Amino acid sequence: MKAAAIAYKPVGLALGLGSGMLAGLVFKQVWKIVGHEADAPDAKDIDRSWGEVLLAAALQGAIFAVVKATVDRAGATATHRMTGTSSG
């Protein structure tokens, strides 16, 4: 394993945790606009429709994926600029 990859592991872990929290915050704000309410539906809440539950799940998944990819890419780019090698 390359030294840059080893050095990036703790940074990547911290970025991953941070990106998860950021994605959660972004999703809550987006859901307030899309769902017109503060809380997204829980999949087990039988008072919510299938469409509403699946829309929330799809939106949440998309937001998490975009935030994670953005943070991973930024971290890899920064590592490459600092070390001159790929972190992956």
PDB file of N, CA and C in Angstrom:
ATOM      1  N   MET A   1       0.854  -1.172   0.000  1.00  0.00           N
ATOM      2  CA  MET A   1       0.000   0.000   0.000  1.00  0.00           C
ATOM      3  C   MET A   1       0.902   1.238   0.000  1.00  0.00           C
ATOM      4  N   LYS A   2       0.557   2.200  -0.784  1.00  0.00           N
ATOM      5  CA  LYS A   2       1.350   3.423  -0.886  1.00  0.00           C
ATOM      6  C   LYS A   2       1.249   4.251   0.393  1.00  0.00           C
ATOM      7  N   ALA A   3       2.303   5.017   0.645  1.00  0.00           N
ATOM      8  CA  ALA A   3       2.324   5.860   1.848  1.00  0.00           C
ATOM      9  C   ALA A   3       1.199   6.886   1.826  1.00  0.00           C
ATOM     10  N   ALA A   4       0.907   7.435   0.646  1.00  0.00           N
ATOM     11  CA  ALA A   4      -0.168   8.427   0.545  1.00  0.00           C
ATOM     12  C   ALA A   4      -1.519   7.806   0.891  1.00  0.00           C
ATOM     13  N   ALA A   5      -1.734   6.560   0.461  1.00  0.00           N
ATOM     14  CA  ALA A   5      -2.991   5.875   0.756  1.00  0.00           C
ATOM     15  C   ALA A   5      -3.124   5.616   2.254  1.00  0.00           C
ATOM     16  N   ILE A   6      -2.028   5.252   2.884  1.00  0.00           N
ATOM     17  CA  ILE A   6      -2.045   5.004   4.327  1.00  0.00           C
ATOM     18  C   ILE A   6      -2.289   6.315   5.079  1.00  0.00           C
ATOM     19  N   ALA A   7      -1.610   7.361   4.647  1.00  0.00           N
ATOM     20  CA  ALA A   7      -1.777   8.655   5.305  1.00  0.00           C
ATOM     21  C   ALA A   7      -3.181   9.209   5.124  1.00  0.00           C
ATOM     22  N   TYR A   8      -3.823   8.851   4.003  1.00  0.00           N
ATOM     23  CA  TYR A   8      -5.152   9.383   3.713  1.00  0.00           C
ATOM     24  C   TYR A   8      -6.247   8.671   4.513  1.00  0.00           C
ATOM     25  N   LYS A   9      -6.001   7.477   5.009  1.00  0.00           N
ATOM     26  CA  LYS A   9      -7.040   6.700   5.712  1.00  0.00           C
ATOM     27  C   LYS A   9      -7.703   7.476   6.850  1.00  0.00           C
ATOM     28  N   PRO A  10      -6.970   8.040   7.804  1.00  0.00           N
ATOM     29  CA  PRO A  10      -7.655   8.769   8.882  1.00  0.00           C
ATOM     30  C   PRO A  10      -8.356  10.033   8.378  1.00  0.00           C
ATOM     31  N   VAL A  11      -7.762  10.670   7.381  1.00  0.00           N
ATOM     32  CA  VAL A  11      -8.387  11.859   6.803  1.00  0.00           C
ATOM     33  C   VAL A  11      -9.686  11.462   6.116  1.00  0.00           C
ATOM     34  N   GLY A  12      -9.631  10.373   5.355  1.00  0.00           N
ATOM     35  CA  GLY A  12     -10.827   9.883   4.665  1.00  0.00           C
ATOM     36  C   GLY A  12     -11.930   9.498   5.632  1.00  0.00           C
ATOM     37  N   LEU A  13     -11.557   8.898   6.751  1.00  0.00           N
ATOM     38  CA  LEU A  13     -12.545   8.522   7.766  1.00  0.00           C
ATOM     39  C   LEU A  13     -13.218   9.760   8.349  1.00  0.00           C
ATOM     40  N   ALA A  14     -12.419  10.757   8.686  1.00  0.00           N
ATOM     41  CA  ALA A  14     -12.982  11.995   9.235  1.00  0.00           C
ATOM     42  C   ALA A  14     -13.867  12.695   8.205  1.00  0.00           C
ATOM     43  N   LEU A  15     -13.417  12.727   6.954  1.00  0.00           N
ATOM     44  CA  LEU A  15     -14.221  13.344   5.900  1.00  0.00           C
ATOM     45  C   LEU A  15     -15.529  12.580   5.689  1.00  0.00           C
ATOM     46  N   GLY A  16     -15.463  11.274   5.794  1.00  0.00           N
ATOM     47  CA  GLY A  16     -16.671  10.460   5.640  1.00  0.00           C
ATOM     48  C   GLY A  16     -17.701  10.751   6.724  1.00  0.00           C
ATOM     49  N   LEU A  17     -17.245  10.866   7.949  1.00  0.00           N
ATOM     50  CA  LEU A  17     -18.152  11.184   9.052  1.00  0.00           C
ATOM     51  C   LEU A  17     -18.755  12.573   8.870  1.00  0.00           C
ATOM     52  N   GLY A  18     -17.910  13.508   8.506  1.00  0.00           N
ATOM     53  CA  GLY A  18     -18.381  14.873   8.283  1.00  0.00           C
ATOM     54  C   GLY A  18     -19.358  14.963   7.127  1.00  0.00           C
ATOM     55  N   SER A  19     -19.075  14.212   6.061  1.00  0.00           N
ATOM     56  CA  SER A  19     -19.969  14.261   4.899  1.00  0.00           C
ATOM     57  C   SER A  19     -21.326  13.649   5.224  1.00  0.00           C
ATOM     58  N   GLY A  20     -21.346  12.619   6.061  1.00  0.00           N
ATOM     59  CA  GLY A  20     -22.615  12.033   6.476  1.00  0.00           C
ATOM     60  C   GLY A  20     -23.472  13.010   7.265  1.00  0.00           C
ATOM     61  N   MET A  21     -22.825  13.743   8.158  1.00  0.00           N
ATOM     62  CA  MET A  21     -23.560  14.742   8.940  1.00  0.00           C
ATOM     63  C   MET A  21     -24.039  15.884   8.046  1.00  0.00           C
ATOM     64  N   LEU A  22     -23.179  16.327   7.137  1.00  0.00           N
ATOM     65  CA  LEU A  22     -23.558  17.393   6.214  1.00  0.00           C
ATOM     66  C   LEU A  22     -24.725  16.961   5.329  1.00  0.00           C
ATOM     67  N   ALA A  23     -24.665  15.736   4.824  1.00  0.00           N
ATOM     68  CA  ALA A  23     -25.741  15.233   3.974  1.00  0.00           C
ATOM     69  C   ALA A  23     -27.063  15.168   4.737  1.00  0.00           C
ATOM     70  N   GLY A  24     -27.009  14.778   6.006  1.00  0.00           N
ATOM     71  CA  GLY A  24     -28.219  14.741   6.823  1.00  0.00           C
ATOM     72  C   GLY A  24     -28.843  16.113   6.990  1.00  0.00           C
ATOM     73  N   LEU A  25     -27.995  17.099   7.214  1.00  0.00           N
ATOM     74  CA  LEU A  25     -28.489  18.473   7.357  1.00  0.00           C
ATOM     75  C   LEU A  25     -29.083  18.990   6.048  1.00  0.00           C
ATOM     76  N   VAL A  26     -28.404  18.708   4.944  1.00  0.00           N
ATOM     77  CA  VAL A  26     -28.907  19.135   3.632  1.00  0.00           C
ATOM     78  C   VAL A  26     -30.247  18.471   3.348  1.00  0.00           C
ATOM     79  N   PHE A  27     -30.356  17.166   3.620  1.00  0.00           N
ATOM     80  CA  PHE A  27     -31.609  16.450   3.373  1.00  0.00           C
ATOM     81  C   PHE A  27     -32.760  17.048   4.181  1.00  0.00           C
ATOM     82  N   LYS A  28     -32.513  17.361   5.438  1.00  0.00           N
ATOM     83  CA  LYS A  28     -33.576  17.942   6.268  1.00  0.00           C
ATOM     84  C   LYS A  28     -34.078  19.258   5.683  1.00  0.00           C
ATOM     85  N   GLN A  29     -33.163  20.074   5.199  1.00  0.00           N
ATOM     86  CA  GLN A  29     -33.563  21.356   4.614  1.00  0.00           C
ATOM     87  C   GLN A  29     -34.315  21.156   3.299  1.00  0.00           C
ATOM     88  N   VAL A  30     -33.846  20.229   2.482  1.00  0.00           N
ATOM     89  CA  VAL A  30     -34.515  19.956   1.203  1.00  0.00           C
ATOM     90  C   VAL A  30     -35.899  19.377   1.460  1.00  0.00           C
ATOM     91  N   TRP A  31     -36.008  18.485   2.447  1.00  0.00           N
ATOM     92  CA  TRP A  31     -37.313  17.878   2.722  1.00  0.00           C
ATOM     93  C   TRP A  31     -38.321  18.922   3.204  1.00  0.00           C
ATOM     94  N   LYS A  32     -37.869  19.911   3.947  1.00  0.00           N
ATOM     95  CA  LYS A  32     -38.777  20.980   4.381  1.00  0.00           C
ATOM     96  C   LYS A  32     -39.404  21.673   3.180  1.00  0.00           C
ATOM     97  N   ILE A  33     -38.634  21.813   2.106  1.00  0.00           N
ATOM     98  CA  ILE A  33     -39.131  22.462   0.894  1.00  0.00           C
ATOM     99  C   ILE A  33     -40.004  21.498   0.080  1.00  0.00           C
ATOM    100  N   VAL A  34     -39.513  20.291  -0.136  1.00  0.00           N
ATOM    101  CA  VAL A  34     -40.220  19.313  -0.980  1.00  0.00           C
ATOM    102  C   VAL A  34     -41.443  18.747  -0.275  1.00  0.00           C
ATOM    103  N   GLY A  35     -41.280  18.364   0.984  1.00  0.00           N
ATOM    104  CA  GLY A  35     -42.361  17.718   1.717  1.00  0.00           C
ATOM    105  C   GLY A  35     -43.273  18.660   2.460  1.00  0.00           C
ATOM    106  N   HIS A  36     -42.913  19.925   2.514  1.00  0.00           N
ATOM    107  CA  HIS A  36     -43.696  20.949   3.214  1.00  0.00           C
ATOM    108  C   HIS A  36     -43.918  20.627   4.689  1.00  0.00           C
ATOM    109  N   GLU A  37     -42.930  19.938   5.289  1.00  0.00           N
ATOM    110  CA  GLU A  37     -42.980  19.645   6.718  1.00  0.00           C
ATOM    111  C   GLU A  37     -41.561  19.404   7.218  1.00  0.00           C
ATOM    112  N   ALA A  38     -41.390  19.469   8.519  1.00  0.00           N
ATOM    113  CA  ALA A  38     -40.049  19.402   9.095  1.00  0.00           C
ATOM    114  C   ALA A  38     -39.437  18.006   9.040  1.00  0.00           C
ATOM    115  N   ASP A  39     -40.230  16.971   9.244  1.00  0.00           N
ATOM    116  CA  ASP A  39     -39.683  15.614   9.321  1.00  0.00           C
ATOM    117  C   ASP A  39     -40.061  14.788   8.095  1.00  0.00           C
ATOM    118  N   ALA A  40     -39.079  14.067   7.588  1.00  0.00           N
ATOM    119  CA  ALA A  40     -39.325  13.145   6.480  1.00  0.00           C
ATOM    120  C   ALA A  40     -40.095  11.934   7.010  1.00  0.00           C
ATOM    121  N   PRO A  41     -40.849  11.277   6.154  1.00  0.00           N
ATOM    122  CA  PRO A  41     -41.609  10.115   6.626  1.00  0.00           C
ATOM    123  C   PRO A  41     -40.704   8.935   6.949  1.00  0.00           C
ATOM    124  N   ASP A  42     -41.086   8.206   7.956  1.00  0.00           N
ATOM    125  CA  ASP A  42     -40.410   6.967   8.312  1.00  0.00           C
ATOM    126  C   ASP A  42     -41.037   5.843   7.495  1.00  0.00           C
ATOM    127  N   ALA A  43     -40.241   4.917   7.025  1.00  0.00           N
ATOM    128  CA  ALA A  43     -40.749   3.823   6.190  1.00  0.00           C
ATOM    129  C   ALA A  43     -41.804   2.974   6.911  1.00  0.00           C
ATOM    130  N   LYS A  44     -41.773   2.947   8.227  1.00  0.00           N
ATOM    131  CA  LYS A  44     -42.710   2.130   8.999  1.00  0.00           C
ATOM    132  C   LYS A  44     -43.977   2.877   9.386  1.00  0.00           C
ATOM    133  N   ASP A  45     -44.053   4.147   9.046  1.00  0.00           N
ATOM    134  CA  ASP A  45     -45.221   4.962   9.390  1.00  0.00           C
ATOM    135  C   ASP A  45     -46.350   4.664   8.402  1.00  0.00           C
ATOM    136  N   ILE A  46     -47.348   3.911   8.852  1.00  0.00           N
ATOM    137  CA  ILE A  46     -48.421   3.495   7.944  1.00  0.00           C
ATOM    138  C   ILE A  46     -49.371   4.638   7.582  1.00  0.00           C
ATOM    139  N   ASP A  47     -49.245   5.764   8.255  1.00  0.00           N
ATOM    140  CA  ASP A  47     -50.075   6.919   7.922  1.00  0.00           C
ATOM    141  C   ASP A  47     -49.529   7.700   6.729  1.00  0.00           C
ATOM    142  N   ARG A  48     -48.334   7.346   6.263  1.00  0.00           N
ATOM    143  CA  ARG A  48     -47.714   8.000   5.108  1.00  0.00           C
ATOM    144  C   ARG A  48     -47.902   7.121   3.880  1.00  0.00           C
ATOM    145  N   SER A  49     -48.020   7.745   2.733  1.00  0.00           N
ATOM    146  CA  SER A  49     -48.229   6.982   1.496  1.00  0.00           C
ATOM    147  C   SER A  49     -46.918   6.360   1.014  1.00  0.00           C
ATOM    148  N   TRP A  50     -47.068   5.331   0.164  1.00  0.00           N
ATOM    149  CA  TRP A  50     -45.899   4.695  -0.441  1.00  0.00           C
ATOM    150  C   TRP A  50     -45.084   5.728  -1.223  1.00  0.00           C
ATOM    151  N   GLY A  51     -45.772   6.533  -1.982  1.00  0.00           N
ATOM    152  CA  GLY A  51     -45.088   7.516  -2.810  1.00  0.00           C
ATOM    153  C   GLY A  51     -44.265   8.491  -1.987  1.00  0.00           C
ATOM    154  N   GLU A  52     -44.835   8.949  -0.887  1.00  0.00           N
ATOM    155  CA  GLU A  52     -44.137   9.904  -0.029  1.00  0.00           C
ATOM    156  C   GLU A  52     -42.901   9.263   0.611  1.00  0.00           C
ATOM    157  N   VAL A  53     -43.045   8.034   1.082  1.00  0.00           N
ATOM    158  CA  VAL A  53     -41.929   7.330   1.709  1.00  0.00           C
ATOM    159  C   VAL A  53     -40.818   7.062   0.695  1.00  0.00           C
ATOM    160  N   LEU A  54     -41.200   6.599  -0.488  1.00  0.00           N
ATOM    161  CA  LEU A  54     -40.193   6.282  -1.502  1.00  0.00           C
ATOM    162  C   LEU A  54     -39.527   7.538  -2.058  1.00  0.00           C
ATOM    163  N   LEU A  55     -40.269   8.613  -2.193  1.00  0.00           N
ATOM    164  CA  LEU A  55     -39.680   9.876  -2.636  1.00  0.00           C
ATOM    165  C   LEU A  55     -38.641  10.356  -1.624  1.00  0.00           C
ATOM    166  N   ALA A  56     -38.978  10.294  -0.355  1.00  0.00           N
ATOM    167  CA  ALA A  56     -38.042  10.716   0.687  1.00  0.00           C
ATOM    168  C   ALA A  56     -36.782   9.848   0.672  1.00  0.00           C
ATOM    169  N   ALA A  57     -36.958   8.547   0.519  1.00  0.00           N
ATOM    170  CA  ALA A  57     -35.807   7.637   0.501  1.00  0.00           C
ATOM    171  C   ALA A  57     -34.917   7.896  -0.712  1.00  0.00           C
ATOM    172  N   ALA A  58     -35.523   8.091  -1.874  1.00  0.00           N
ATOM    173  CA  ALA A  58     -34.750   8.357  -3.088  1.00  0.00           C
ATOM    174  C   ALA A  58     -34.002   9.688  -2.984  1.00  0.00           C
ATOM    175  N   LEU A  59     -34.669  10.688  -2.480  1.00  0.00           N
ATOM    176  CA  LEU A  59     -34.057  12.004  -2.325  1.00  0.00           C
ATOM    177  C   LEU A  59     -32.906  11.945  -1.324  1.00  0.00           C
ATOM    178  N   GLN A  60     -33.132  11.256  -0.219  1.00  0.00           N
ATOM    179  CA  GLN A  60     -32.091  11.128   0.787  1.00  0.00           C
ATOM    180  C   GLN A  60     -30.880  10.384   0.221  1.00  0.00           C
ATOM    181  N   GLY A  61     -31.124   9.308  -0.493  1.00  0.00           N
ATOM    182  CA  GLY A  61     -30.027   8.544  -1.096  1.00  0.00           C
ATOM    183  C   GLY A  61     -29.241   9.362  -2.103  1.00  0.00           C
ATOM    184  N   ALA A  62     -29.945  10.123  -2.926  1.00  0.00           N
ATOM    185  CA  ALA A  62     -29.267  10.954  -3.923  1.00  0.00           C
ATOM    186  C   ALA A  62     -28.421  12.029  -3.262  1.00  0.00           C
ATOM    187  N   ILE A  63     -28.950  12.663  -2.241  1.00  0.00           N
ATOM    188  CA  ILE A  63     -28.204  13.715  -1.544  1.00  0.00           C
ATOM    189  C   ILE A  63     -26.965  13.128  -0.872  1.00  0.00           C
ATOM    190  N   PHE A  64     -27.117  11.992  -0.201  1.00  0.00           N
ATOM    191  CA  PHE A  64     -25.971  11.374   0.454  1.00  0.00           C
ATOM    192  C   PHE A  64     -24.907  10.990  -0.566  1.00  0.00           C
ATOM    193  N   ALA A  65     -25.306  10.445  -1.712  1.00  0.00           N
ATOM    194  CA  ALA A  65     -24.346  10.038  -2.734  1.00  0.00           C
ATOM    195  C   ALA A  65     -23.593  11.233  -3.310  1.00  0.00           C
ATOM    196  N   VAL A  66     -24.312  12.312  -3.583  1.00  0.00           N
ATOM    197  CA  VAL A  66     -23.665  13.508  -4.151  1.00  0.00           C
ATOM    198  C   VAL A  66     -22.713  14.144  -3.139  1.00  0.00           C
ATOM    199  N   VAL A  67     -23.132  14.259  -1.899  1.00  0.00           N
ATOM    200  CA  VAL A  67     -22.261  14.855  -0.881  1.00  0.00           C
ATOM    201  C   VAL A  67     -21.033  13.980  -0.665  1.00  0.00           C
ATOM    202  N   LYS A  68     -21.216  12.672  -0.584  1.00  0.00           N
ATOM    203  CA  LYS A  68     -20.090  11.758  -0.380  1.00  0.00           C
ATOM    204  C   LYS A  68     -19.111  11.834  -1.540  1.00  0.00           C
ATOM    205  N   ALA A  69     -19.614  11.810  -2.772  1.00  0.00           N
ATOM    206  CA  ALA A  69     -18.737  11.889  -3.941  1.00  0.00           C
ATOM    207  C   ALA A  69     -17.989  13.218  -3.979  1.00  0.00           C
ATOM    208  N   THR A  70     -18.662  14.287  -3.620  1.00  0.00           N
ATOM    209  CA  THR A  70     -18.030  15.611  -3.610  1.00  0.00           C
ATOM    210  C   THR A  70     -16.901  15.662  -2.588  1.00  0.00           C
ATOM    211  N   VAL A  71     -17.169  15.176  -1.387  1.00  0.00           N
ATOM    212  CA  VAL A  71     -16.161  15.203  -0.330  1.00  0.00           C
ATOM    213  C   VAL A  71     -15.006  14.254  -0.662  1.00  0.00           C
ATOM    214  N   ASP A  72     -15.307  13.053  -1.160  1.00  0.00           N
ATOM    215  CA  ASP A  72     -14.253  12.107  -1.541  1.00  0.00           C
ATOM    216  C   ASP A  72     -13.370  12.683  -2.639  1.00  0.00           C
ATOM    217  N   ARG A  73     -13.997  13.284  -3.643  1.00  0.00           N
ATOM    218  CA  ARG A  73     -13.242  13.864  -4.754  1.00  0.00           C
ATOM    219  C   ARG A  73     -12.370  15.022  -4.280  1.00  0.00           C
ATOM    220  N   ALA A  74     -12.914  15.873  -3.434  1.00  0.00           N
ATOM    221  CA  ALA A  74     -12.141  16.999  -2.905  1.00  0.00           C
ATOM    222  C   ALA A  74     -10.964  16.503  -2.068  1.00  0.00           C
ATOM    223  N   GLY A  75     -11.183  15.481  -1.271  1.00  0.00           N
ATOM    224  CA  GLY A  75     -10.108  14.915  -0.461  1.00  0.00           C
ATOM    225  C   GLY A  75      -9.018  14.284  -1.315  1.00  0.00           C
ATOM    226  N   ALA A  76      -9.424  13.553  -2.352  1.00  0.00           N
ATOM    227  CA  ALA A  76      -8.454  12.930  -3.246  1.00  0.00           C
ATOM    228  C   ALA A  76      -7.660  13.986  -4.018  1.00  0.00           C
ATOM    229  N   THR A  77      -8.347  15.030  -4.456  1.00  0.00           N
ATOM    230  CA  THR A  77      -7.673  16.113  -5.176  1.00  0.00           C
ATOM    231  C   THR A  77      -6.673  16.826  -4.275  1.00  0.00           C
ATOM    232  N   ALA A  78      -7.077  17.109  -3.051  1.00  0.00           N
ATOM    233  CA  ALA A  78      -6.178  17.779  -2.108  1.00  0.00           C
ATOM    234  C   ALA A  78      -4.964  16.904  -1.799  1.00  0.00           C
ATOM    235  N   THR A  79      -5.189  15.612  -1.594  1.00  0.00           N
ATOM    236  CA  THR A  79      -4.089  14.693  -1.325  1.00  0.00           C
ATOM    237  C   THR A  79      -3.127  14.642  -2.503  1.00  0.00           C
ATOM    238  N   HIS A  80      -3.678  14.597  -3.691  1.00  0.00           N
ATOM    239  CA  HIS A  80      -2.844  14.553  -4.897  1.00  0.00           C
ATOM    240  C   HIS A  80      -2.004  15.828  -5.025  1.00  0.00           C
ATOM    241  N   ARG A  81      -2.623  16.956  -4.740  1.00  0.00           N
ATOM    242  CA  ARG A  81      -1.885  18.225  -4.822  1.00  0.00           C
ATOM    243  C   ARG A  81      -0.770  18.301  -3.777  1.00  0.00           C
ATOM    244  N   MET A  82      -1.033  17.765  -2.587  1.00  0.00           N
ATOM    245  CA  MET A  82      -0.038  17.850  -1.516  1.00  0.00           C
ATOM    246  C   MET A  82       1.084  16.826  -1.691  1.00  0.00           C
ATOM    247  N   THR A  83       0.758  15.634  -2.160  1.00  0.00           N
ATOM    248  CA  THR A  83       1.751  14.566  -2.218  1.00  0.00           C
ATOM    249  C   THR A  83       2.241  14.267  -3.623  1.00  0.00           C
ATOM    250  N   GLY A  84       1.450  14.658  -4.625  1.00  0.00           N
ATOM    251  CA  GLY A  84       1.829  14.330  -6.005  1.00  0.00           C
ATOM    252  C   GLY A  84       1.452  12.928  -6.411  1.00  0.00           C
ATOM    253  N   THR A  85       0.808  12.189  -5.517  1.00  0.00           N
ATOM    254  CA  THR A  85       0.386  10.814  -5.826  1.00  0.00           C
ATOM    255  C   THR A  85      -1.103  10.661  -5.546  1.00  0.00           C
ATOM    256  N   SER A  86      -1.646   9.599  -6.073  1.00  0.00           N
ATOM    257  CA  SER A  86      -3.052   9.293  -5.875  1.00  0.00           C
ATOM    258  C   SER A  86      -3.258   8.672  -4.499  1.00  0.00           C
ATOM    259  N   SER A  87      -4.389   8.996  -3.865  1.00  0.00           N
ATOM    260  CA  SER A  87      -4.684   8.401  -2.556  1.00  0.00           C
ATOM    261  C   SER A  87      -5.390   7.064  -2.706  1.00  0.00           C
ATOM    262  N   GLY A  88      -5.854   6.738  -3.894  1.00  0.00           N
ATOM    263  CA  GLY A  88      -6.614   5.516  -4.109  1.00  0.00           C
ATOM    264  C   GLY A  88      -5.818   4.539  -4.814  1.00  0.00           C
TER     265      GLY A  88
END
